[in-house]
Amino acid sequence: LTASKSQKIIELDGSNDKDSENLSEVRNVKDTNRPFILKDIKRLEDLTNKSPNPNLAFNLVNILYAYAYACRIFNGDIYENPEESIRVISSLSPILSINESLMYESVSQALAISNSIILQ
């Protein structure tokens, strides 16, 4: 597999010299589409009077899994077809698509929900 301008995801398993070449090439590419990172982001505790649920991190795992899956589906370019990308992400992450409170109890539960949706 060789890296190209249109290809965002490159499979590397380390089994051959070509993988080493691809890895070097990927490290040399500058990503100009990175968002600007704000320096004065307030802590979640400072934004609300209530303490955040400690399981909130598991919800984030579910959302990130859905995002990563969409990146794989669209070869790393989710902006090429944003409507379809949003459909995939929201369908794999029930947190984003339902209007009720949902809190996962563990990482495995957060991932299992999305996996079961994929396998349907």
Protein backbone atom coordinates (compact mmCIF):
# COMPACT_ATOMS: atom_id res chain seq x y z
CA LEU A 1 0.00 0.00 0.00
CA THR A 2 1.44 3.36 -0.91
CA ALA A 3 0.44 6.69 0.50
CA SER A 4 -1.29 9.11 -1.82
CA LYS A 5 -2.82 12.54 -1.43
CA SER A 6 -6.35 11.12 -1.53
CA GLN A 7 -5.61 8.25 0.84
CA LYS A 8 -5.90 9.22 4.51
CA ILE A 9 -5.60 5.80 6.16
CA ILE A 10 -2.65 3.51 5.50
CA GLU A 11 -2.57 -0.03 6.83
CA LEU A 12 0.76 -0.90 8.44
CA ASP A 13 1.44 -4.27 9.98
CA GLY A 14 5.24 -4.05 10.07
CA SER A 15 5.68 -7.23 8.09
CA ASN A 16 7.72 -5.76 5.24
CA ASP A 17 10.07 -2.94 4.25
CA LYS A 18 7.28 -1.17 2.35
CA ASP A 19 5.49 -0.58 5.67
CA SER A 20 8.60 1.16 7.02
CA GLU A 21 8.71 3.39 3.93
CA ASN A 22 5.01 4.23 4.29
CA LEU A 23 5.41 5.01 7.99
CA SER A 24 8.29 7.39 7.24
CA GLU A 25 6.24 9.05 4.52
CA VAL A 26 3.24 9.46 6.82
CA ARG A 27 5.39 11.05 9.53
CA ASN A 28 6.73 13.58 7.02
CA VAL A 29 3.29 14.74 5.86
CA LYS A 30 2.14 17.92 7.57
CA ASP A 31 -1.56 18.01 8.38
CA THR A 32 -2.76 21.49 7.44
CA ASN A 33 -6.38 20.69 8.28
CA ARG A 34 -5.88 20.44 12.03
CA PRO A 35 -8.24 22.63 14.02
CA PHE A 36 -6.82 25.43 16.11
CA ILE A 37 -6.58 24.39 19.79
CA LEU A 38 -7.84 26.99 22.25
CA LYS A 39 -5.52 27.78 25.14
CA ASP A 40 -8.16 28.90 27.65
CA ILE A 41 -10.53 25.93 27.75
CA LYS A 42 -12.42 25.87 31.02
CA ARG A 43 -12.59 22.72 33.10
CA LEU A 44 -15.94 20.92 33.05
CA GLU A 45 -16.26 21.42 36.82
CA ASP A 46 -16.07 25.20 36.26
CA LEU A 47 -18.91 25.18 33.73
CA THR A 48 -21.57 23.57 35.92
CA ASN A 49 -22.60 23.48 39.57
CA LYS A 50 -23.04 19.70 39.50
CA SER A 51 -20.16 17.27 39.45
CA PRO A 52 -19.93 15.44 36.13
CA ASN A 53 -20.84 11.78 36.18
CA PRO A 54 -17.61 9.75 36.35
CA ASN A 55 -19.02 7.48 33.61
CA LEU A 56 -19.07 10.40 31.17
CA ALA A 57 -15.71 9.20 29.83
CA PHE A 58 -17.39 5.99 28.63
CA ASN A 59 -19.85 8.05 26.57
CA LEU A 60 -16.90 9.80 24.98
CA VAL A 61 -15.39 6.40 24.11
CA ASN A 62 -18.64 5.53 22.31
CA ILE A 63 -18.61 8.78 20.32
CA LEU A 64 -14.92 8.41 19.41
CA TYR A 65 -15.50 4.82 18.30
CA ALA A 66 -18.30 5.99 15.99
CA TYR A 67 -16.06 8.76 14.64
CA ALA A 68 -13.16 6.36 14.04
CA TYR A 69 -15.49 3.91 12.29
CA ALA A 70 -16.74 6.70 9.99
CA CYS A 71 -13.14 7.66 9.22
CA ARG A 72 -12.45 4.05 8.21
CA ILE A 73 -15.59 3.89 6.04
CA PHE A 74 -14.72 7.12 4.21
CA ASN A 75 -10.96 6.44 4.03
CA GLY A 76 -10.21 9.25 6.48
CA ASP A 77 -12.11 11.94 4.58
CA ILE A 78 -15.40 12.42 6.42
CA TYR A 79 -15.81 15.89 4.88
CA GLU A 80 -16.16 14.53 1.35
CA ASN A 81 -19.71 13.40 2.12
CA PRO A 82 -20.64 15.13 5.41
CA GLU A 83 -24.31 14.11 5.39
CA GLU A 84 -23.45 10.42 5.12
CA SER A 85 -20.65 10.79 7.68
CA ILE A 86 -23.06 12.32 10.20
CA ARG A 87 -25.58 9.57 9.49
CA VAL A 88 -22.97 6.88 10.20
CA ILE A 89 -21.70 8.56 13.38
CA SER A 90 -25.15 9.27 14.81
CA SER A 91 -26.41 5.78 14.01
CA LEU A 92 -23.42 4.15 15.74
CA SER A 93 -23.55 6.40 18.79
CA PRO A 94 -27.01 6.35 20.37
CA ILE A 95 -25.87 9.14 22.70
CA LEU A 96 -25.94 11.51 19.73
CA SER A 97 -29.26 10.35 18.31
CA ILE A 98 -31.66 9.94 21.25
CA ASN A 99 -33.25 12.57 23.45
CA GLU A 100 -32.94 10.77 26.75
CA SER A 101 -30.18 10.44 29.29
CA LEU A 102 -27.85 7.57 28.49
CA MET A 103 -24.77 6.63 30.48
CA TYR A 104 -22.52 3.66 29.82
CA GLU A 105 -21.08 1.74 32.77
CA SER A 106 -17.83 0.58 31.14
CA VAL A 107 -15.67 0.83 28.03
CA SER A 108 -16.76 -2.63 26.93
CA GLN A 109 -20.43 -1.65 27.17
CA ALA A 110 -19.83 1.57 25.21
CA LEU A 111 -18.10 -0.38 22.43
CA ALA A 112 -20.52 -3.32 22.47
CA ILE A 113 -23.48 -1.05 21.68
CA SER A 114 -21.80 0.27 18.52
CA ASN A 115 -20.56 -3.19 17.53
CA SER A 116 -24.07 -4.62 17.79
CA ILE A 117 -25.39 -1.82 15.56
CA ILE A 118 -22.66 -2.52 12.97
CA LEU A 119 -23.50 -6.23 12.93
CA GLN A 120 -27.24 -5.67 12.37
